[in-house]
Amino acid sequence: MTENQTELKQEVMDLFNSYRRLMPQVGETYDALPGEVYKDGALSGKTKRLMALSGSLVHGCRACILFQTDHALALGASVQEILEACSVAISLGGTMAAGETTRVMAYLQEKDLVETWEDSQGNK
């Protein structure tokens, strides 16, 4: 994959922040929903982010894929949990979700998480 996922994520964030500065009411309203949805409840925030990652992969939203992966990692998701969420997406979304999973893999590789995980699993 030739596109740098970390740079893409930053570009998306910068552009959306520009939009939010120009449309503050929309930005505030938009921010309220995820703040409520992804907090711990009957399901943990981490589980909800993994669910959202799976949905993002099936839908093919590149920004969502990167942000949900990042949020899941920040909430303590392991590489194994992320890969399993990708598997659920592939089960539901077939070839299209499998293709989008390559974006997750590239992002995890950019963060040097795949090699570390493979080493710990003896998968190299």
PDB file of N, CA and C in Angstrom:
ATOM      1  N   MET A   1       0.864  -1.169   0.000  1.00  0.00           N
ATOM      2  CA  MET A   1       0.000   0.000   0.000  1.00  0.00           C
ATOM      3  C   MET A   1       0.908   1.227   0.000  1.00  0.00           C
ATOM      4  N   THR A   2       0.780   2.069  -0.988  1.00  0.00           N
ATOM      5  CA  THR A   2       1.683   3.195  -1.130  1.00  0.00           C
ATOM      6  C   THR A   2       1.276   4.411  -0.295  1.00  0.00           C
ATOM      7  N   GLU A   3       0.039   4.475   0.100  1.00  0.00           N
ATOM      8  CA  GLU A   3      -0.449   5.611   0.878  1.00  0.00           C
ATOM      9  C   GLU A   3      -0.084   5.437   2.351  1.00  0.00           C
ATOM     10  N   ASN A   4       0.513   6.456   2.945  1.00  0.00           N
ATOM     11  CA  ASN A   4       0.870   6.404   4.354  1.00  0.00           C
ATOM     12  C   ASN A   4      -0.389   6.649   5.184  1.00  0.00           C
ATOM     13  N   GLN A   5      -0.787   5.646   5.951  1.00  0.00           N
ATOM     14  CA  GLN A   5      -2.034   5.718   6.713  1.00  0.00           C
ATOM     15  C   GLN A   5      -1.970   6.738   7.846  1.00  0.00           C
ATOM     16  N   THR A   6      -0.818   6.858   8.469  1.00  0.00           N
ATOM     17  CA  THR A   6      -0.652   7.823   9.555  1.00  0.00           C
ATOM     18  C   THR A   6      -0.801   9.246   9.019  1.00  0.00           C
ATOM     19  N   GLU A   7      -0.203   9.514   7.877  1.00  0.00           N
ATOM     20  CA  GLU A   7      -0.327  10.843   7.260  1.00  0.00           C
ATOM     21  C   GLU A   7      -1.759  11.102   6.803  1.00  0.00           C
ATOM     22  N   LEU A   8      -2.402  10.074   6.243  1.00  0.00           N
ATOM     23  CA  LEU A   8      -3.798  10.217   5.816  1.00  0.00           C
ATOM     24  C   LEU A   8      -4.684  10.546   7.008  1.00  0.00           C
ATOM     25  N   LYS A   9      -4.496   9.852   8.111  1.00  0.00           N
ATOM     26  CA  LYS A   9      -5.291  10.110   9.320  1.00  0.00           C
ATOM     27  C   LYS A   9      -5.106  11.548   9.783  1.00  0.00           C
ATOM     28  N   GLN A  10      -3.874  12.027   9.784  1.00  0.00           N
ATOM     29  CA  GLN A  10      -3.597  13.408  10.201  1.00  0.00           C
ATOM     30  C   GLN A  10      -4.249  14.411   9.247  1.00  0.00           C
ATOM     31  N   GLU A  11      -4.167  14.139   7.952  1.00  0.00           N
ATOM     32  CA  GLU A  11      -4.776  15.032   6.961  1.00  0.00           C
ATOM     33  C   GLU A  11      -6.288  15.103   7.143  1.00  0.00           C
ATOM     34  N   VAL A  12      -6.924  13.960   7.342  1.00  0.00           N
ATOM     35  CA  VAL A  12      -8.368  13.926   7.570  1.00  0.00           C
ATOM     36  C   VAL A  12      -8.720  14.719   8.825  1.00  0.00           C
ATOM     37  N   MET A  13      -7.960  14.511   9.887  1.00  0.00           N
ATOM     38  CA  MET A  13      -8.217  15.227  11.136  1.00  0.00           C
ATOM     39  C   MET A  13      -8.060  16.737  10.949  1.00  0.00           C
ATOM     40  N   ASP A  14      -7.005  17.151  10.270  1.00  0.00           N
ATOM     41  CA  ASP A  14      -6.779  18.579  10.039  1.00  0.00           C
ATOM     42  C   ASP A  14      -7.911  19.192   9.215  1.00  0.00           C
ATOM     43  N   LEU A  15      -8.331  18.498   8.167  1.00  0.00           N
ATOM     44  CA  LEU A  15      -9.398  19.023   7.318  1.00  0.00           C
ATOM     45  C   LEU A  15     -10.726  19.078   8.060  1.00  0.00           C
ATOM     46  N   PHE A  16     -11.026  18.053   8.855  1.00  0.00           N
ATOM     47  CA  PHE A  16     -12.282  18.073   9.599  1.00  0.00           C
ATOM     48  C   PHE A  16     -12.254  19.148  10.684  1.00  0.00           C
ATOM     49  N   ASN A  17     -11.093  19.377  11.293  1.00  0.00           N
ATOM     50  CA  ASN A  17     -10.980  20.461  12.272  1.00  0.00           C
ATOM     51  C   ASN A  17     -11.190  21.815  11.616  1.00  0.00           C
ATOM     52  N   SER A  18     -10.744  21.971  10.381  1.00  0.00           N
ATOM     53  CA  SER A  18     -11.003  23.214   9.636  1.00  0.00           C
ATOM     54  C   SER A  18     -12.501  23.386   9.422  1.00  0.00           C
ATOM     55  N   TYR A  19     -13.157  22.310   9.034  1.00  0.00           N
ATOM     56  CA  TYR A  19     -14.610  22.351   8.860  1.00  0.00           C
ATOM     57  C   TYR A  19     -15.290  22.736  10.174  1.00  0.00           C
ATOM     58  N   ARG A  20     -14.850  22.135  11.272  1.00  0.00           N
ATOM     59  CA  ARG A  20     -15.454  22.416  12.573  1.00  0.00           C
ATOM     60  C   ARG A  20     -15.265  23.871  12.997  1.00  0.00           C
ATOM     61  N   ARG A  21     -14.147  24.463  12.633  1.00  0.00           N
ATOM     62  CA  ARG A  21     -13.949  25.891  12.950  1.00  0.00           C
ATOM     63  C   ARG A  21     -14.945  26.758  12.183  1.00  0.00           C
ATOM     64  N   LEU A  22     -15.244  26.362  10.953  1.00  0.00           N
ATOM     65  CA  LEU A  22     -16.179  27.123  10.123  1.00  0.00           C
ATOM     66  C   LEU A  22     -17.639  26.836  10.472  1.00  0.00           C
ATOM     67  N   MET A  23     -17.893  25.673  11.026  1.00  0.00           N
ATOM     68  CA  MET A  23     -19.254  25.254  11.374  1.00  0.00           C
ATOM     69  C   MET A  23     -19.285  24.761  12.821  1.00  0.00           C
ATOM     70  N   PRO A  24     -19.033  25.651  13.789  1.00  0.00           N
ATOM     71  CA  PRO A  24     -18.892  25.207  15.182  1.00  0.00           C
ATOM     72  C   PRO A  24     -20.134  24.525  15.762  1.00  0.00           C
ATOM     73  N   GLN A  25     -21.322  24.958  15.361  1.00  0.00           N
ATOM     74  CA  GLN A  25     -22.527  24.334  15.907  1.00  0.00           C
ATOM     75  C   GLN A  25     -22.630  22.878  15.462  1.00  0.00           C
ATOM     76  N   VAL A  26     -22.285  22.634  14.217  1.00  0.00           N
ATOM     77  CA  VAL A  26     -22.335  21.260  13.709  1.00  0.00           C
ATOM     78  C   VAL A  26     -21.259  20.424  14.411  1.00  0.00           C
ATOM     79  N   GLY A  27     -20.068  20.991  14.570  1.00  0.00           N
ATOM     80  CA  GLY A  27     -18.979  20.281  15.232  1.00  0.00           C
ATOM     81  C   GLY A  27     -19.329  19.906  16.660  1.00  0.00           C
ATOM     82  N   GLU A  28     -19.926  20.827  17.398  1.00  0.00           N
ATOM     83  CA  GLU A  28     -20.301  20.548  18.777  1.00  0.00           C
ATOM     84  C   GLU A  28     -21.375  19.459  18.857  1.00  0.00           C
ATOM     85  N   THR A  29     -22.347  19.548  17.978  1.00  0.00           N
ATOM     86  CA  THR A  29     -23.415  18.554  17.950  1.00  0.00           C
ATOM     87  C   THR A  29     -22.859  17.190  17.571  1.00  0.00           C
ATOM     88  N   TYR A  30     -21.989  17.180  16.569  1.00  0.00           N
ATOM     89  CA  TYR A  30     -21.383  15.927  16.123  1.00  0.00           C
ATOM     90  C   TYR A  30     -20.560  15.294  17.241  1.00  0.00           C
ATOM     91  N   ASP A  31     -19.785  16.091  17.959  1.00  0.00           N
ATOM     92  CA  ASP A  31     -18.925  15.579  19.027  1.00  0.00           C
ATOM     93  C   ASP A  31     -19.716  14.979  20.182  1.00  0.00           C
ATOM     94  N   ALA A  32     -20.913  15.482  20.428  1.00  0.00           N
ATOM     95  CA  ALA A  32     -21.707  14.997  21.554  1.00  0.00           C
ATOM     96  C   ALA A  32     -22.117  13.534  21.370  1.00  0.00           C
ATOM     97  N   LEU A  33     -22.472  13.137  20.161  1.00  0.00           N
ATOM     98  CA  LEU A  33     -22.949  11.770  19.946  1.00  0.00           C
ATOM     99  C   LEU A  33     -21.870  10.726  20.214  1.00  0.00           C
ATOM    100  N   PRO A  34     -20.688  10.803  19.585  1.00  0.00           N
ATOM    101  CA  PRO A  34     -19.667   9.797  19.896  1.00  0.00           C
ATOM    102  C   PRO A  34     -19.253   9.812  21.365  1.00  0.00           C
ATOM    103  N   GLY A  35     -19.248  10.993  21.973  1.00  0.00           N
ATOM    104  CA  GLY A  35     -18.898  11.071  23.389  1.00  0.00           C
ATOM    105  C   GLY A  35     -19.837  10.248  24.248  1.00  0.00           C
ATOM    106  N   GLU A  36     -21.084  10.234  23.876  1.00  0.00           N
ATOM    107  CA  GLU A  36     -22.083   9.453  24.604  1.00  0.00           C
ATOM    108  C   GLU A  36     -22.040   7.977  24.204  1.00  0.00           C
ATOM    109  N   VAL A  37     -21.967   7.720  22.920  1.00  0.00           N
ATOM    110  CA  VAL A  37     -22.053   6.355  22.400  1.00  0.00           C
ATOM    111  C   VAL A  37     -20.887   5.483  22.848  1.00  0.00           C
ATOM    112  N   TYR A  38     -19.673   6.018  22.802  1.00  0.00           N
ATOM    113  CA  TYR A  38     -18.492   5.193  23.023  1.00  0.00           C
ATOM    114  C   TYR A  38     -18.019   5.123  24.474  1.00  0.00           C
ATOM    115  N   LYS A  39     -18.785   5.718  25.395  1.00  0.00           N
ATOM    116  CA  LYS A  39     -18.380   5.592  26.792  1.00  0.00           C
ATOM    117  C   LYS A  39     -18.717   4.193  27.297  1.00  0.00           C
ATOM    118  N   ASP A  40     -18.046   3.789  28.361  1.00  0.00           N
ATOM    119  CA  ASP A  40     -18.308   2.477  28.949  1.00  0.00           C
ATOM    120  C   ASP A  40     -19.756   2.397  29.426  1.00  0.00           C
ATOM    121  N   GLY A  41     -20.364   1.278  29.166  1.00  0.00           N
ATOM    122  CA  GLY A  41     -21.724   0.984  29.615  1.00  0.00           C
ATOM    123  C   GLY A  41     -21.813  -0.521  29.789  1.00  0.00           C
ATOM    124  N   ALA A  42     -22.889  -1.118  29.316  1.00  0.00           N
ATOM    125  CA  ALA A  42     -22.989  -2.580  29.346  1.00  0.00           C
ATOM    126  C   ALA A  42     -21.853  -3.182  28.515  1.00  0.00           C
ATOM    127  N   LEU A  43     -21.465  -2.477  27.454  1.00  0.00           N
ATOM    128  CA  LEU A  43     -20.285  -2.829  26.663  1.00  0.00           C
ATOM    129  C   LEU A  43     -19.192  -1.820  26.963  1.00  0.00           C
ATOM    130  N   SER A  44     -17.966  -2.276  26.989  1.00  0.00           N
ATOM    131  CA  SER A  44     -16.859  -1.349  27.226  1.00  0.00           C
ATOM    132  C   SER A  44     -16.654  -0.457  26.009  1.00  0.00           C
ATOM    133  N   GLY A  45     -16.059   0.685  26.234  1.00  0.00           N
ATOM    134  CA  GLY A  45     -15.714   1.577  25.130  1.00  0.00           C
ATOM    135  C   GLY A  45     -14.831   0.878  24.111  1.00  0.00           C
ATOM    136  N   LYS A  46     -13.906   0.054  24.580  1.00  0.00           N
ATOM    137  CA  LYS A  46     -13.017  -0.681  23.681  1.00  0.00           C
ATOM    138  C   LYS A  46     -13.825  -1.610  22.776  1.00  0.00           C
ATOM    139  N   THR A  47     -14.763  -2.343  23.355  1.00  0.00           N
ATOM    140  CA  THR A  47     -15.599  -3.250  22.567  1.00  0.00           C
ATOM    141  C   THR A  47     -16.399  -2.471  21.534  1.00  0.00           C
ATOM    142  N   LYS A  48     -16.929  -1.335  21.938  1.00  0.00           N
ATOM    143  CA  LYS A  48     -17.704  -0.510  21.010  1.00  0.00           C
ATOM    144  C   LYS A  48     -16.830  -0.013  19.860  1.00  0.00           C
ATOM    145  N   ARG A  49     -15.592   0.347  20.155  1.00  0.00           N
ATOM    146  CA  ARG A  49     -14.679   0.799  19.089  1.00  0.00           C
ATOM    147  C   ARG A  49     -14.333  -0.343  18.145  1.00  0.00           C
ATOM    148  N   LEU A  50     -14.172  -1.547  18.673  1.00  0.00           N
ATOM    149  CA  LEU A  50     -13.917  -2.706  17.815  1.00  0.00           C
ATOM    150  C   LEU A  50     -15.132  -3.007  16.938  1.00  0.00           C
ATOM    151  N   MET A  51     -16.323  -2.846  17.496  1.00  0.00           N
ATOM    152  CA  MET A  51     -17.542  -3.005  16.702  1.00  0.00           C
ATOM    153  C   MET A  51     -17.587  -1.953  15.593  1.00  0.00           C
ATOM    154  N   ALA A  52     -17.253  -0.726  15.948  1.00  0.00           N
ATOM    155  CA  ALA A  52     -17.258   0.358  14.958  1.00  0.00           C
ATOM    156  C   ALA A  52     -16.201   0.126  13.882  1.00  0.00           C
ATOM    157  N   LEU A  53     -15.064  -0.437  14.271  1.00  0.00           N
ATOM    158  CA  LEU A  53     -14.042  -0.764  13.280  1.00  0.00           C
ATOM    159  C   LEU A  53     -14.589  -1.773  12.281  1.00  0.00           C
ATOM    160  N   SER A  54     -15.245  -2.796  12.767  1.00  0.00           N
ATOM    161  CA  SER A  54     -15.823  -3.798  11.876  1.00  0.00           C
ATOM    162  C   SER A  54     -16.827  -3.152  10.917  1.00  0.00           C
ATOM    163  N   GLY A  55     -17.682  -2.304  11.446  1.00  0.00           N
ATOM    164  CA  GLY A  55     -18.652  -1.607  10.600  1.00  0.00           C
ATOM    165  C   GLY A  55     -17.972  -0.698   9.585  1.00  0.00           C
ATOM    166  N   SER A  56     -16.912  -0.045   9.998  1.00  0.00           N
ATOM    167  CA  SER A  56     -16.166   0.845   9.099  1.00  0.00           C
ATOM    168  C   SER A  56     -15.551   0.074   7.942  1.00  0.00           C
ATOM    169  N   LEU A  57     -15.038  -1.109   8.251  1.00  0.00           N
ATOM    170  CA  LEU A  57     -14.433  -1.943   7.210  1.00  0.00           C
ATOM    171  C   LEU A  57     -15.473  -2.418   6.208  1.00  0.00           C
ATOM    172  N   VAL A  58     -16.643  -2.811   6.692  1.00  0.00           N
ATOM    173  CA  VAL A  58     -17.707  -3.268   5.797  1.00  0.00           C
ATOM    174  C   VAL A  58     -18.185  -2.107   4.932  1.00  0.00           C
ATOM    175  N   HIS A  59     -18.281  -0.928   5.528  1.00  0.00           N
ATOM    176  CA  HIS A  59     -18.767   0.245   4.799  1.00  0.00           C
ATOM    177  C   HIS A  59     -17.697   0.833   3.883  1.00  0.00           C
ATOM    178  N   GLY A  60     -16.431   0.658   4.237  1.00  0.00           N
ATOM    179  CA  GLY A  60     -15.335   1.169   3.411  1.00  0.00           C
ATOM    180  C   GLY A  60     -14.977   2.623   3.665  1.00  0.00           C
ATOM    181  N   CYS A  61     -15.218   3.097   4.875  1.00  0.00           N
ATOM    182  CA  CYS A  61     -14.881   4.482   5.226  1.00  0.00           C
ATOM    183  C   CYS A  61     -13.437   4.548   5.705  1.00  0.00           C
ATOM    184  N   ARG A  62     -12.540   5.053   4.850  1.00  0.00           N
ATOM    185  CA  ARG A  62     -11.118   5.023   5.194  1.00  0.00           C
ATOM    186  C   ARG A  62     -10.797   5.841   6.430  1.00  0.00           C
ATOM    187  N   ALA A  63     -11.404   6.994   6.601  1.00  0.00           N
ATOM    188  CA  ALA A  63     -11.154   7.791   7.801  1.00  0.00           C
ATOM    189  C   ALA A  63     -11.660   7.058   9.042  1.00  0.00           C
ATOM    190  N   CYS A  64     -12.854   6.480   8.951  1.00  0.00           N
ATOM    191  CA  CYS A  64     -13.421   5.749  10.079  1.00  0.00           C
ATOM    192  C   CYS A  64     -12.543   4.566  10.470  1.00  0.00           C
ATOM    193  N   ILE A  65     -12.039   3.861   9.465  1.00  0.00           N
ATOM    194  CA  ILE A  65     -11.186   2.701   9.723  1.00  0.00           C
ATOM    195  C   ILE A  65      -9.973   3.120  10.541  1.00  0.00           C
ATOM    196  N   LEU A  66      -9.319   4.191  10.132  1.00  0.00           N
ATOM    197  CA  LEU A  66      -8.112   4.642  10.826  1.00  0.00           C
ATOM    198  C   LEU A  66      -8.425   5.175  12.220  1.00  0.00           C
ATOM    199  N   PHE A  67      -9.477   5.970  12.338  1.00  0.00           N
ATOM    200  CA  PHE A  67      -9.800   6.536  13.636  1.00  0.00           C
ATOM    201  C   PHE A  67     -10.304   5.478  14.609  1.00  0.00           C
ATOM    202  N   GLN A  68     -11.118   4.530  14.146  1.00  0.00           N
ATOM    203  CA  GLN A  68     -11.598   3.483  15.045  1.00  0.00           C
ATOM    204  C   GLN A  68     -10.456   2.569  15.475  1.00  0.00           C
ATOM    205  N   THR A  69      -9.536   2.281  14.567  1.00  0.00           N
ATOM    206  CA  THR A  69      -8.361   1.486  14.938  1.00  0.00           C
ATOM    207  C   THR A  69      -7.561   2.215  16.005  1.00  0.00           C
ATOM    208  N   ASP A  70      -7.332   3.490  15.794  1.00  0.00           N
ATOM    209  CA  ASP A  70      -6.551   4.290  16.740  1.00  0.00           C
ATOM    210  C   ASP A  70      -7.246   4.381  18.103  1.00  0.00           C
ATOM    211  N   HIS A  71      -8.549   4.620  18.094  1.00  0.00           N
ATOM    212  CA  HIS A  71      -9.298   4.685  19.364  1.00  0.00           C
ATOM    213  C   HIS A  71      -9.260   3.345  20.090  1.00  0.00           C
ATOM    214  N   ALA A  72      -9.424   2.266  19.335  1.00  0.00           N
ATOM    215  CA  ALA A  72      -9.381   0.935  19.957  1.00  0.00           C
ATOM    216  C   ALA A  72      -8.018   0.685  20.598  1.00  0.00           C
ATOM    217  N   LEU A  73      -6.955   1.045  19.888  1.00  0.00           N
ATOM    218  CA  LEU A  73      -5.605   0.890  20.449  1.00  0.00           C
ATOM    219  C   LEU A  73      -5.446   1.721  21.716  1.00  0.00           C
ATOM    220  N   ALA A  74      -5.926   2.953  21.679  1.00  0.00           N
ATOM    221  CA  ALA A  74      -5.814   3.842  22.842  1.00  0.00           C
ATOM    222  C   ALA A  74      -6.572   3.296  24.045  1.00  0.00           C
ATOM    223  N   LEU A  75      -7.632   2.530  23.786  1.00  0.00           N
ATOM    224  CA  LEU A  75      -8.412   1.939  24.874  1.00  0.00           C
ATOM    225  C   LEU A  75      -7.886   0.572  25.284  1.00  0.00           C
ATOM    226  N   GLY A  76      -6.727   0.187  24.733  1.00  0.00           N
ATOM    227  CA  GLY A  76      -6.079  -1.035  25.164  1.00  0.00           C
ATOM    228  C   GLY A  76      -6.334  -2.255  24.296  1.00  0.00           C
ATOM    229  N   ALA A  77      -6.942  -2.071  23.134  1.00  0.00           N
ATOM    230  CA  ALA A  77      -7.166  -3.222  22.254  1.00  0.00           C
ATOM    231  C   ALA A  77      -5.828  -3.782  21.802  1.00  0.00           C
ATOM    232  N   SER A  78      -5.747  -5.082  21.779  1.00  0.00           N
ATOM    233  CA  SER A  78      -4.534  -5.751  21.313  1.00  0.00           C
ATOM    234  C   SER A  78      -4.596  -5.915  19.793  1.00  0.00           C
ATOM    235  N   VAL A  79      -3.465  -6.221  19.210  1.00  0.00           N
ATOM    236  CA  VAL A  79      -3.434  -6.513  17.778  1.00  0.00           C
ATOM    237  C   VAL A  79      -4.368  -7.694  17.490  1.00  0.00           C
ATOM    238  N   GLN A  80      -4.351  -8.699  18.346  1.00  0.00           N
ATOM    239  CA  GLN A  80      -5.223  -9.861  18.148  1.00  0.00           C
ATOM    240  C   GLN A  80      -6.690  -9.444  18.132  1.00  0.00           C
ATOM    241  N   GLU A  81      -7.110  -8.587  19.044  1.00  0.00           N
ATOM    242  CA  GLU A  81      -8.506  -8.133  19.077  1.00  0.00           C
ATOM    243  C   GLU A  81      -8.858  -7.362  17.809  1.00  0.00           C
ATOM    244  N   ILE A  82      -7.941  -6.535  17.354  1.00  0.00           N
ATOM    245  CA  ILE A  82      -8.182  -5.772  16.126  1.00  0.00           C
ATOM    246  C   ILE A  82      -8.285  -6.710  14.924  1.00  0.00           C
ATOM    247  N   LEU A  83      -7.394  -7.695  14.846  1.00  0.00           N
ATOM    248  CA  LEU A  83      -7.444  -8.654  13.741  1.00  0.00           C
ATOM    249  C   LEU A  83      -8.740  -9.462  13.771  1.00  0.00           C
ATOM    250  N   GLU A  84      -9.215  -9.799  14.958  1.00  0.00           N
ATOM    251  CA  GLU A  84     -10.473 -10.531  15.054  1.00  0.00           C
ATOM    252  C   GLU A  84     -11.654  -9.660  14.649  1.00  0.00           C
ATOM    253  N   ALA A  85     -11.626  -8.370  14.984  1.00  0.00           N
ATOM    254  CA  ALA A  85     -12.670  -7.447  14.526  1.00  0.00           C
ATOM    255  C   ALA A  85     -12.653  -7.364  12.999  1.00  0.00           C
ATOM    256  N   CYS A  86     -11.456  -7.375  12.425  1.00  0.00           N
ATOM    257  CA  CYS A  86     -11.326  -7.393  10.962  1.00  0.00           C
ATOM    258  C   CYS A  86     -11.930  -8.676  10.393  1.00  0.00           C
ATOM    259  N   SER A  87     -11.736  -9.786  11.086  1.00  0.00           N
ATOM    260  CA  SER A  87     -12.288 -11.058  10.634  1.00  0.00           C
ATOM    261  C   SER A  87     -13.811 -11.024  10.595  1.00  0.00           C
ATOM    262  N   VAL A  88     -14.408 -10.406  11.602  1.00  0.00           N
ATOM    263  CA  VAL A  88     -15.867 -10.260  11.611  1.00  0.00           C
ATOM    264  C   VAL A  88     -16.307  -9.450  10.393  1.00  0.00           C
ATOM    265  N   ALA A  89     -15.589  -8.374  10.112  1.00  0.00           N
ATOM    266  CA  ALA A  89     -15.924  -7.541   8.959  1.00  0.00           C
ATOM    267  C   ALA A  89     -15.800  -8.321   7.653  1.00  0.00           C
ATOM    268  N   ILE A  90     -14.754  -9.113   7.538  1.00  0.00           N
ATOM    269  CA  ILE A  90     -14.567  -9.918   6.328  1.00  0.00           C
ATOM    270  C   ILE A  90     -15.705 -10.933   6.192  1.00  0.00           C
ATOM    271  N   SER A  91     -16.136 -11.503   7.314  1.00  0.00           N
ATOM    272  CA  SER A  91     -17.254 -12.436   7.302  1.00  0.00           C
ATOM    273  C   SER A  91     -18.524 -11.769   6.779  1.00  0.00           C
ATOM    274  N   LEU A  92     -18.735 -10.523   7.172  1.00  0.00           N
ATOM    275  CA  LEU A  92     -19.942  -9.798   6.761  1.00  0.00           C
ATOM    276  C   LEU A  92     -19.799  -9.138   5.394  1.00  0.00           C
ATOM    277  N   GLY A  93     -18.613  -8.590   5.130  1.00  0.00           N
ATOM    278  CA  GLY A  93     -18.438  -7.751   3.944  1.00  0.00           C
ATOM    279  C   GLY A  93     -17.665  -8.373   2.808  1.00  0.00           C
ATOM    280  N   GLY A  94     -17.179  -9.580   2.990  1.00  0.00           N
ATOM    281  CA  GLY A  94     -16.492 -10.285   1.919  1.00  0.00           C
ATOM    282  C   GLY A  94     -15.244  -9.588   1.404  1.00  0.00           C
ATOM    283  N   THR A  95     -15.076  -9.660   0.103  1.00  0.00           N
ATOM    284  CA  THR A  95     -13.874  -9.154  -0.549  1.00  0.00           C
ATOM    285  C   THR A  95     -13.644  -7.667  -0.293  1.00  0.00           C
ATOM    286  N   MET A  96     -14.715  -6.886  -0.268  1.00  0.00           N
ATOM    287  CA  MET A  96     -14.551  -5.448  -0.044  1.00  0.00           C
ATOM    288  C   MET A  96     -13.982  -5.168   1.338  1.00  0.00           C
ATOM    289  N   ALA A  97     -14.490  -5.850   2.350  1.00  0.00           N
ATOM    290  CA  ALA A  97     -13.968  -5.660   3.704  1.00  0.00           C
ATOM    291  C   ALA A  97     -12.553  -6.204   3.818  1.00  0.00           C
ATOM    292  N   ALA A  98     -12.276  -7.300   3.112  1.00  0.00           N
ATOM    293  CA  ALA A  98     -10.910  -7.840   3.115  1.00  0.00           C
ATOM    294  C   ALA A  98      -9.944  -6.827   2.516  1.00  0.00           C
ATOM    295  N   GLY A  99     -10.358  -6.175   1.447  1.00  0.00           N
ATOM    296  CA  GLY A  99      -9.517  -5.141   0.847  1.00  0.00           C
ATOM    297  C   GLY A  99      -9.279  -3.978   1.794  1.00  0.00           C
ATOM    298  N   GLU A 100     -10.301  -3.578   2.527  1.00  0.00           N
ATOM    299  CA  GLU A 100     -10.158  -2.465   3.472  1.00  0.00           C
ATOM    300  C   GLU A 100      -9.318  -2.866   4.682  1.00  0.00           C
ATOM    301  N   THR A 101      -9.297  -4.153   5.002  1.00  0.00           N
ATOM    302  CA  THR A 101      -8.469  -4.631   6.115  1.00  0.00           C
ATOM    303  C   THR A 101      -6.990  -4.347   5.855  1.00  0.00           C
ATOM    304  N   THR A 102      -6.606  -4.255   4.596  1.00  0.00           N
ATOM    305  CA  THR A 102      -5.207  -3.934   4.285  1.00  0.00           C
ATOM    306  C   THR A 102      -4.833  -2.557   4.821  1.00  0.00           C
ATOM    307  N   ARG A 103      -5.797  -1.657   4.922  1.00  0.00           N
ATOM    308  CA  ARG A 103      -5.545  -0.327   5.493  1.00  0.00           C
ATOM    309  C   ARG A 103      -5.218  -0.451   6.982  1.00  0.00           C
ATOM    310  N   VAL A 104      -5.939  -1.314   7.689  1.00  0.00           N
ATOM    311  CA  VAL A 104      -5.663  -1.562   9.105  1.00  0.00           C
ATOM    312  C   VAL A 104      -4.263  -2.149   9.250  1.00  0.00           C
ATOM    313  N   MET A 105      -3.955  -3.127   8.415  1.00  0.00           N
ATOM    314  CA  MET A 105      -2.642  -3.767   8.494  1.00  0.00           C
ATOM    315  C   MET A 105      -1.525  -2.757   8.235  1.00  0.00           C
ATOM    316  N   ALA A 106      -1.699  -1.906   7.240  1.00  0.00           N
ATOM    317  CA  ALA A 106      -0.681  -0.893   6.942  1.00  0.00           C
ATOM    318  C   ALA A 106      -0.515   0.060   8.131  1.00  0.00           C
ATOM    319  N   TYR A 107      -1.628   0.447   8.736  1.00  0.00           N
ATOM    320  CA  TYR A 107      -1.571   1.358   9.878  1.00  0.00           C
ATOM    321  C   TYR A 107      -0.858   0.706  11.061  1.00  0.00           C
ATOM    322  N   LEU A 108      -1.200  -0.555  11.345  1.00  0.00           N
ATOM    323  CA  LEU A 108      -0.540  -1.269  12.440  1.00  0.00           C
ATOM    324  C   LEU A 108       0.950  -1.458  12.154  1.00  0.00           C
ATOM    325  N   GLN A 109       1.295  -1.711  10.897  1.00  0.00           N
ATOM    326  CA  GLN A 109       2.708  -1.844  10.530  1.00  0.00           C
ATOM    327  C   GLN A 109       3.440  -0.517  10.695  1.00  0.00           C
ATOM    328  N   GLU A 110       2.807   0.583  10.305  1.00  0.00           N
ATOM    329  CA  GLU A 110       3.423   1.903  10.485  1.00  0.00           C
ATOM    330  C   GLU A 110       3.690   2.193  11.949  1.00  0.00           C
ATOM    331  N   LYS A 111       2.855   1.674  12.819  1.00  0.00           N
ATOM    332  CA  LYS A 111       3.028   1.870  14.260  1.00  0.00           C
ATOM    333  C   LYS A 111       3.927   0.796  14.878  1.00  0.00           C
ATOM    334  N   ASP A 112       4.517  -0.054  14.029  1.00  0.00           N
ATOM    335  CA  ASP A 112       5.409  -1.143  14.462  1.00  0.00           C
ATOM    336  C   ASP A 112       4.731  -2.104  15.434  1.00  0.00           C
ATOM    337  N   LEU A 113       3.445  -2.315  15.269  1.00  0.00           N
ATOM    338  CA  LEU A 113       2.718  -3.204  16.172  1.00  0.00           C
ATOM    339  C   LEU A 113       2.619  -4.628  15.633  1.00  0.00           C
ATOM    340  N   VAL A 114       2.628  -4.802  14.323  1.00  0.00           N
ATOM    341  CA  VAL A 114       2.467  -6.145  13.755  1.00  0.00           C
ATOM    342  C   VAL A 114       3.695  -6.995  14.013  1.00  0.00           C
ATOM    343  N   GLU A 115       4.863  -6.459  13.745  1.00  0.00           N
ATOM    344  CA  GLU A 115       6.090  -7.229  13.948  1.00  0.00           C
ATOM    345  C   GLU A 115       6.255  -7.606  15.420  1.00  0.00           C
ATOM    346  N   THR A 116       5.968  -6.670  16.307  1.00  0.00           N
ATOM    347  CA  THR A 116       6.067  -6.955  17.739  1.00  0.00           C
ATOM    348  C   THR A 116       5.101  -8.071  18.128  1.00  0.00           C
ATOM    349  N   TRP A 117       3.867  -8.000  17.600  1.00  0.00           N
ATOM    350  CA  TRP A 117       2.862  -9.016  17.895  1.00  0.00           C
ATOM    351  C   TRP A 117       3.285 -10.366  17.321  1.00  0.00           C
ATOM    352  N   GLU A 118       3.759 -10.368  16.077  1.00  0.00           N
ATOM    353  CA  GLU A 118       4.199 -11.631  15.449  1.00  0.00           C
ATOM    354  C   GLU A 118       5.320 -12.276  16.268  1.00  0.00           C
ATOM    355  N   ASP A 119       6.252 -11.464  16.717  1.00  0.00           N
ATOM    356  CA  ASP A 119       7.335 -11.983  17.545  1.00  0.00           C
ATOM    357  C   ASP A 119       6.805 -12.642  18.816  1.00  0.00           C
ATOM    358  N   SER A 120       5.805 -11.991  19.436  1.00  0.00           N
ATOM    359  CA  SER A 120       5.256 -12.525  20.674  1.00  0.00           C
ATOM    360  C   SER A 120       4.444 -13.803  20.444  1.00  0.00           C
ATOM    361  N   GLN A 121       3.947 -13.987  19.227  1.00  0.00           N
ATOM    362  CA  GLN A 121       3.140 -15.159  18.883  1.00  0.00           C
ATOM    363  C   GLN A 121       3.978 -16.279  18.268  1.00  0.00           C
ATOM    364  N   GLY A 122       5.233 -15.965  17.964  1.00  0.00           N
ATOM    365  CA  GLY A 122       6.088 -16.946  17.286  1.00  0.00           C
ATOM    366  C   GLY A 122       5.647 -17.176  15.842  1.00  0.00           C
ATOM    367  N   ASN A 123       5.036 -16.135  15.231  1.00  0.00           N
ATOM    368  CA  ASN A 123       4.489 -16.269  13.879  1.00  0.00           C
ATOM    369  C   ASN A 123       5.441 -15.824  12.776  1.00  0.00           C
ATOM    370  N   LYS A 124       6.654 -15.522  13.078  1.00  0.00           N
ATOM    371  CA  LYS A 124       7.579 -15.040  12.050  1.00  0.00           C
ATOM    372  C   LYS A 124       8.288 -16.130  11.373  1.00  0.00           C
TER     373      LYS A 124
END
